[in-house]
Amino acid sequence: MTTERIIQNGVCVITPRRNLTGGSETGDLTNAVRDGIAAGATRVVVDLGRISWVNSMGLAALQRIRLTCIDGGVSIGLARVGERIRNLMLTTRLVFLFDTYETLDEALAAHESAA
């Protein structure tokens, strides 16, 4: 498994452990989001702090999980987005589609204040 998934207080936190480049890690990410929603999560936070790069397939995977969350009535956010990934998301304008947070704690606090 190339992702870690925990659910706490209704938030599914998913942490990819490998760069998102279109291999099994992107499928694992998608499956972790689906499993979190099925387990009753009301928010998904993808913690990107352990990876340094995504390619076009990785960006497509992020967009796919965003749509999965929308279809499931679940909000999504990204935490600890590195500079390289943030620049790529700015270039492709995907950064405007996600709530982003500097830290995981900030992302979790945003969920609690919205609840």
N, C-alpha and C. Protein backbone atom coordinates (compact mmCIF):
# COMPACT_ATOMS: atom_id res chain seq x y z
N MET A 1 0.85 -1.18 0.00
CA MET A 1 0.00 0.00 0.00
C MET A 1 0.89 1.24 0.00
N THR A 2 0.59 2.14 -0.86
CA THR A 2 1.42 3.35 -1.00
C THR A 2 0.78 4.57 -0.35
N THR A 3 -0.30 4.37 0.38
CA THR A 3 -0.93 5.48 1.10
C THR A 3 -1.26 5.04 2.51
N GLU A 4 -1.29 6.01 3.41
CA GLU A 4 -1.78 5.78 4.76
C GLU A 4 -3.13 6.45 4.87
N ARG A 5 -4.08 5.80 5.55
CA ARG A 5 -5.40 6.39 5.72
C ARG A 5 -5.83 6.24 7.17
N ILE A 6 -6.20 7.36 7.77
CA ILE A 6 -6.79 7.33 9.11
C ILE A 6 -8.03 8.20 9.10
N ILE A 7 -8.97 7.86 9.95
CA ILE A 7 -10.18 8.68 10.09
C ILE A 7 -10.25 9.12 11.54
N GLN A 8 -10.34 10.44 11.74
CA GLN A 8 -10.50 10.96 13.08
C GLN A 8 -11.51 12.10 13.05
N ASN A 9 -12.47 12.02 13.95
CA ASN A 9 -13.52 13.04 14.05
C ASN A 9 -14.20 13.33 12.72
N GLY A 10 -14.45 12.28 11.94
CA GLY A 10 -15.15 12.45 10.67
C GLY A 10 -14.30 12.91 9.52
N VAL A 11 -12.98 13.08 9.76
CA VAL A 11 -12.07 13.52 8.70
C VAL A 11 -11.19 12.33 8.29
N CYS A 12 -11.19 12.05 7.01
CA CYS A 12 -10.32 11.01 6.47
C CYS A 12 -9.03 11.67 6.00
N VAL A 13 -7.93 11.35 6.67
CA VAL A 13 -6.62 11.91 6.31
C VAL A 13 -5.88 10.85 5.52
N ILE A 14 -5.51 11.21 4.29
CA ILE A 14 -4.81 10.29 3.41
C ILE A 14 -3.43 10.87 3.11
N THR A 15 -2.41 10.06 3.33
CA THR A 15 -1.04 10.51 3.12
C THR A 15 -0.37 9.59 2.10
N PRO A 16 -0.18 10.08 0.88
CA PRO A 16 0.58 9.29 -0.08
C PRO A 16 2.04 9.18 0.36
N ARG A 17 2.64 7.98 0.17
CA ARG A 17 4.03 7.77 0.54
C ARG A 17 4.96 7.75 -0.66
N ARG A 18 4.38 7.83 -1.87
CA ARG A 18 5.18 7.89 -3.08
C ARG A 18 4.67 9.00 -3.96
N ASN A 19 5.55 9.60 -4.75
CA ASN A 19 5.15 10.64 -5.70
C ASN A 19 4.02 10.12 -6.58
N LEU A 20 3.09 11.00 -6.93
CA LEU A 20 1.93 10.61 -7.74
C LEU A 20 2.30 10.74 -9.21
N THR A 21 2.61 9.60 -9.83
CA THR A 21 3.09 9.61 -11.20
C THR A 21 2.33 8.67 -12.12
N GLY A 22 1.18 8.19 -11.69
CA GLY A 22 0.35 7.36 -12.56
C GLY A 22 0.50 5.87 -12.36
N GLY A 23 1.29 5.46 -11.39
CA GLY A 23 1.44 4.04 -11.09
C GLY A 23 0.39 3.58 -10.09
N SER A 24 0.71 2.52 -9.39
CA SER A 24 -0.24 1.96 -8.42
C SER A 24 -0.60 2.96 -7.33
N GLU A 25 0.29 3.93 -7.07
CA GLU A 25 0.02 4.91 -6.00
C GLU A 25 -1.21 5.76 -6.30
N THR A 26 -1.49 6.04 -7.56
CA THR A 26 -2.67 6.84 -7.88
C THR A 26 -3.94 6.03 -7.66
N GLY A 27 -3.91 4.74 -8.00
CA GLY A 27 -5.05 3.88 -7.71
C GLY A 27 -5.27 3.71 -6.22
N ASP A 28 -4.16 3.57 -5.47
CA ASP A 28 -4.26 3.46 -4.02
C ASP A 28 -4.88 4.72 -3.41
N LEU A 29 -4.50 5.89 -3.94
CA LEU A 29 -5.06 7.15 -3.46
C LEU A 29 -6.57 7.20 -3.71
N THR A 30 -6.98 6.85 -4.91
CA THR A 30 -8.41 6.85 -5.25
C THR A 30 -9.18 5.87 -4.37
N ASN A 31 -8.63 4.68 -4.18
CA ASN A 31 -9.29 3.68 -3.34
C ASN A 31 -9.38 4.13 -1.89
N ALA A 32 -8.33 4.78 -1.39
CA ALA A 32 -8.35 5.26 -0.01
C ALA A 32 -9.44 6.31 0.19
N VAL A 33 -9.63 7.19 -0.80
CA VAL A 33 -10.69 8.19 -0.72
C VAL A 33 -12.06 7.51 -0.72
N ARG A 34 -12.26 6.59 -1.63
CA ARG A 34 -13.55 5.87 -1.68
C ARG A 34 -13.83 5.13 -0.37
N ASP A 35 -12.81 4.46 0.16
CA ASP A 35 -12.97 3.74 1.42
C ASP A 35 -13.29 4.68 2.57
N GLY A 36 -12.64 5.85 2.59
CA GLY A 36 -12.91 6.83 3.64
C GLY A 36 -14.34 7.35 3.58
N ILE A 37 -14.83 7.61 2.38
CA ILE A 37 -16.21 8.07 2.21
C ILE A 37 -17.18 6.97 2.63
N ALA A 38 -16.88 5.74 2.23
CA ALA A 38 -17.74 4.61 2.61
C ALA A 38 -17.76 4.40 4.12
N ALA A 39 -16.66 4.76 4.79
CA ALA A 39 -16.58 4.61 6.25
C ALA A 39 -17.26 5.76 6.99
N GLY A 40 -17.80 6.73 6.25
CA GLY A 40 -18.57 7.79 6.88
C GLY A 40 -17.85 9.12 7.05
N ALA A 41 -16.70 9.28 6.43
CA ALA A 41 -15.99 10.56 6.55
C ALA A 41 -16.83 11.68 5.94
N THR A 42 -16.79 12.84 6.57
CA THR A 42 -17.50 14.01 6.05
C THR A 42 -16.54 14.99 5.38
N ARG A 43 -15.24 14.72 5.51
CA ARG A 43 -14.21 15.56 4.88
C ARG A 43 -13.00 14.69 4.60
N VAL A 44 -12.35 14.95 3.48
CA VAL A 44 -11.11 14.27 3.12
C VAL A 44 -10.00 15.31 3.07
N VAL A 45 -8.89 14.99 3.72
CA VAL A 45 -7.69 15.82 3.64
C VAL A 45 -6.58 14.95 3.09
N VAL A 46 -6.00 15.38 1.98
CA VAL A 46 -4.85 14.68 1.41
C VAL A 46 -3.61 15.43 1.86
N ASP A 47 -2.80 14.74 2.65
CA ASP A 47 -1.57 15.32 3.20
C ASP A 47 -0.43 15.00 2.23
N LEU A 48 0.03 16.01 1.50
CA LEU A 48 1.07 15.82 0.49
C LEU A 48 2.48 16.06 1.03
N GLY A 49 2.62 16.13 2.34
CA GLY A 49 3.90 16.47 2.94
C GLY A 49 5.00 15.44 2.79
N ARG A 50 4.66 14.21 2.42
CA ARG A 50 5.69 13.17 2.28
C ARG A 50 6.12 12.95 0.84
N ILE A 51 5.54 13.72 -0.09
CA ILE A 51 5.94 13.56 -1.49
C ILE A 51 6.46 14.90 -2.02
N SER A 52 7.20 14.84 -3.12
CA SER A 52 7.78 16.08 -3.65
C SER A 52 7.36 16.36 -5.09
N TRP A 53 6.64 15.43 -5.73
CA TRP A 53 6.35 15.63 -7.14
C TRP A 53 5.07 14.91 -7.54
N VAL A 54 4.34 15.53 -8.45
CA VAL A 54 3.25 14.87 -9.17
C VAL A 54 3.41 15.21 -10.65
N ASN A 55 3.06 14.26 -11.51
CA ASN A 55 3.08 14.56 -12.94
C ASN A 55 1.64 14.74 -13.41
N SER A 56 1.43 14.74 -14.72
CA SER A 56 0.07 14.97 -15.23
C SER A 56 -0.89 13.89 -14.77
N MET A 57 -0.41 12.65 -14.64
CA MET A 57 -1.27 11.57 -14.15
C MET A 57 -1.63 11.79 -12.68
N GLY A 58 -0.68 12.29 -11.91
CA GLY A 58 -0.96 12.59 -10.52
C GLY A 58 -1.96 13.73 -10.37
N LEU A 59 -1.83 14.75 -11.21
CA LEU A 59 -2.80 15.85 -11.20
C LEU A 59 -4.19 15.34 -11.57
N ALA A 60 -4.23 14.44 -12.56
CA ALA A 60 -5.52 13.86 -12.95
C ALA A 60 -6.12 13.06 -11.80
N ALA A 61 -5.28 12.36 -11.04
CA ALA A 61 -5.77 11.60 -9.89
C ALA A 61 -6.34 12.53 -8.83
N LEU A 62 -5.67 13.66 -8.58
CA LEU A 62 -6.20 14.63 -7.61
C LEU A 62 -7.55 15.17 -8.07
N GLN A 63 -7.66 15.47 -9.35
CA GLN A 63 -8.94 15.95 -9.89
C GLN A 63 -10.01 14.86 -9.76
N ARG A 64 -9.64 13.62 -10.02
CA ARG A 64 -10.59 12.50 -9.93
C ARG A 64 -11.10 12.33 -8.50
N ILE A 65 -10.18 12.41 -7.52
CA ILE A 65 -10.65 12.25 -6.14
C ILE A 65 -11.48 13.45 -5.71
N ARG A 66 -11.19 14.62 -6.24
CA ARG A 66 -12.03 15.79 -5.96
C ARG A 66 -13.46 15.54 -6.43
N LEU A 67 -13.60 15.00 -7.64
CA LEU A 67 -14.93 14.71 -8.17
C LEU A 67 -15.61 13.59 -7.39
N THR A 68 -14.84 12.61 -6.95
CA THR A 68 -15.38 11.54 -6.11
C THR A 68 -15.95 12.12 -4.82
N CYS A 69 -15.23 13.05 -4.23
CA CYS A 69 -15.69 13.69 -2.99
C CYS A 69 -16.96 14.50 -3.25
N ILE A 70 -16.98 15.27 -4.33
CA ILE A 70 -18.17 16.07 -4.66
C ILE A 70 -19.37 15.15 -4.84
N ASP A 71 -19.19 14.06 -5.59
CA ASP A 71 -20.28 13.11 -5.81
C ASP A 71 -20.76 12.49 -4.51
N GLY A 72 -19.85 12.32 -3.56
CA GLY A 72 -20.21 11.73 -2.27
C GLY A 72 -20.66 12.74 -1.24
N GLY A 73 -20.72 14.02 -1.61
CA GLY A 73 -21.15 15.04 -0.66
C GLY A 73 -20.13 15.33 0.42
N VAL A 74 -18.87 15.12 0.10
CA VAL A 74 -17.79 15.25 1.07
C VAL A 74 -16.86 16.37 0.61
N SER A 75 -16.41 17.22 1.52
CA SER A 75 -15.47 18.27 1.15
C SER A 75 -14.05 17.70 1.13
N ILE A 76 -13.17 18.39 0.41
CA ILE A 76 -11.79 17.91 0.29
C ILE A 76 -10.84 19.09 0.44
N GLY A 77 -9.69 18.80 1.03
CA GLY A 77 -8.64 19.80 1.15
C GLY A 77 -7.28 19.14 1.00
N LEU A 78 -6.29 19.95 0.70
CA LEU A 78 -4.91 19.48 0.58
C LEU A 78 -4.07 20.14 1.66
N ALA A 79 -3.25 19.36 2.32
CA ALA A 79 -2.37 19.89 3.37
C ALA A 79 -0.92 19.67 2.99
N ARG A 80 -0.06 20.57 3.45
CA ARG A 80 1.39 20.48 3.28
C ARG A 80 1.79 20.28 1.82
N VAL A 81 1.27 21.14 0.97
CA VAL A 81 1.60 21.09 -0.46
C VAL A 81 2.97 21.72 -0.66
N GLY A 82 3.91 20.95 -1.16
CA GLY A 82 5.26 21.45 -1.38
C GLY A 82 5.32 22.48 -2.51
N GLU A 83 6.41 23.21 -2.54
CA GLU A 83 6.55 24.30 -3.50
C GLU A 83 6.47 23.81 -4.95
N ARG A 84 7.14 22.71 -5.27
CA ARG A 84 7.11 22.20 -6.64
C ARG A 84 5.69 21.82 -7.05
N ILE A 85 4.99 21.15 -6.16
CA ILE A 85 3.61 20.74 -6.46
C ILE A 85 2.71 21.96 -6.54
N ARG A 86 2.88 22.90 -5.62
CA ARG A 86 2.06 24.12 -5.63
C ARG A 86 2.26 24.89 -6.94
N ASN A 87 3.51 25.01 -7.39
CA ASN A 87 3.78 25.72 -8.64
C ASN A 87 3.11 25.02 -9.83
N LEU A 88 3.15 23.71 -9.85
CA LEU A 88 2.49 22.97 -10.92
C LEU A 88 0.98 23.17 -10.86
N MET A 89 0.44 23.17 -9.66
CA MET A 89 -1.01 23.38 -9.51
C MET A 89 -1.40 24.80 -9.89
N LEU A 90 -0.52 25.77 -9.64
CA LEU A 90 -0.78 27.14 -10.07
C LEU A 90 -0.77 27.24 -11.59
N THR A 91 0.20 26.62 -12.20
CA THR A 91 0.32 26.65 -13.66
C THR A 91 -0.92 26.05 -14.32
N THR A 92 -1.41 24.95 -13.76
CA THR A 92 -2.58 24.27 -14.34
C THR A 92 -3.90 24.81 -13.79
N ARG A 93 -3.81 25.74 -12.86
CA ARG A 93 -4.95 26.38 -12.23
C ARG A 93 -5.78 25.43 -11.34
N LEU A 94 -5.25 24.26 -11.05
CA LEU A 94 -5.94 23.34 -10.14
C LEU A 94 -5.95 23.84 -8.71
N VAL A 95 -5.01 24.72 -8.38
CA VAL A 95 -4.93 25.24 -7.02
C VAL A 95 -6.23 25.96 -6.62
N PHE A 96 -6.95 26.47 -7.60
CA PHE A 96 -8.20 27.19 -7.31
C PHE A 96 -9.37 26.26 -7.03
N LEU A 97 -9.17 24.97 -7.24
CA LEU A 97 -10.26 24.00 -7.03
C LEU A 97 -10.20 23.32 -5.66
N PHE A 98 -9.10 23.51 -4.95
CA PHE A 98 -8.90 22.84 -3.66
C PHE A 98 -8.69 23.86 -2.55
N ASP A 99 -9.21 23.55 -1.37
CA ASP A 99 -8.80 24.28 -0.16
C ASP A 99 -7.41 23.75 0.19
N THR A 100 -6.46 24.64 0.40
CA THR A 100 -5.12 24.20 0.76
C THR A 100 -4.72 24.77 2.11
N TYR A 101 -3.92 24.00 2.83
CA TYR A 101 -3.51 24.36 4.18
C TYR A 101 -2.02 24.12 4.34
N GLU A 102 -1.36 24.99 5.07
CA GLU A 102 0.08 24.86 5.30
C GLU A 102 0.42 23.63 6.13
N THR A 103 -0.45 23.32 7.11
CA THR A 103 -0.18 22.19 8.00
C THR A 103 -1.41 21.29 8.07
N LEU A 104 -1.18 20.07 8.51
CA LEU A 104 -2.29 19.14 8.71
C LEU A 104 -3.18 19.62 9.85
N ASP A 105 -2.58 20.15 10.90
CA ASP A 105 -3.37 20.67 12.02
C ASP A 105 -4.30 21.79 11.57
N GLU A 106 -3.82 22.64 10.67
CA GLU A 106 -4.64 23.73 10.14
C GLU A 106 -5.83 23.16 9.35
N ALA A 107 -5.60 22.12 8.59
CA ALA A 107 -6.67 21.50 7.81
C ALA A 107 -7.71 20.87 8.73
N LEU A 108 -7.26 20.22 9.78
CA LEU A 108 -8.19 19.59 10.73
C LEU A 108 -8.96 20.64 11.51
N ALA A 109 -8.32 21.73 11.88
CA ALA A 109 -8.99 22.81 12.61
C ALA A 109 -10.04 23.47 11.73
N ALA A 110 -9.76 23.60 10.44
CA ALA A 110 -10.74 24.20 9.52
C ALA A 110 -12.01 23.35 9.47
N HIS A 111 -11.85 22.05 9.53
CA HIS A 111 -13.02 21.16 9.52
C HIS A 111 -13.82 21.34 10.82
N GLU A 112 -13.12 21.40 11.94
CA GLU A 112 -13.82 21.53 13.22
C GLU A 112 -14.56 22.85 13.32
N SER A 113 -13.98 23.91 12.78
CA SER A 113 -14.65 25.21 12.86
C SER A 113 -15.85 25.27 11.92
N ALA A 114 -15.84 24.46 10.87
CA ALA A 114 -16.96 24.43 9.92
C ALA A 114 -18.09 23.56 10.44
N ALA A 115 -17.78 22.66 11.37
CA ALA A 115 -18.79 21.72 11.89
C ALA A 115 -19.73 22.37 12.86
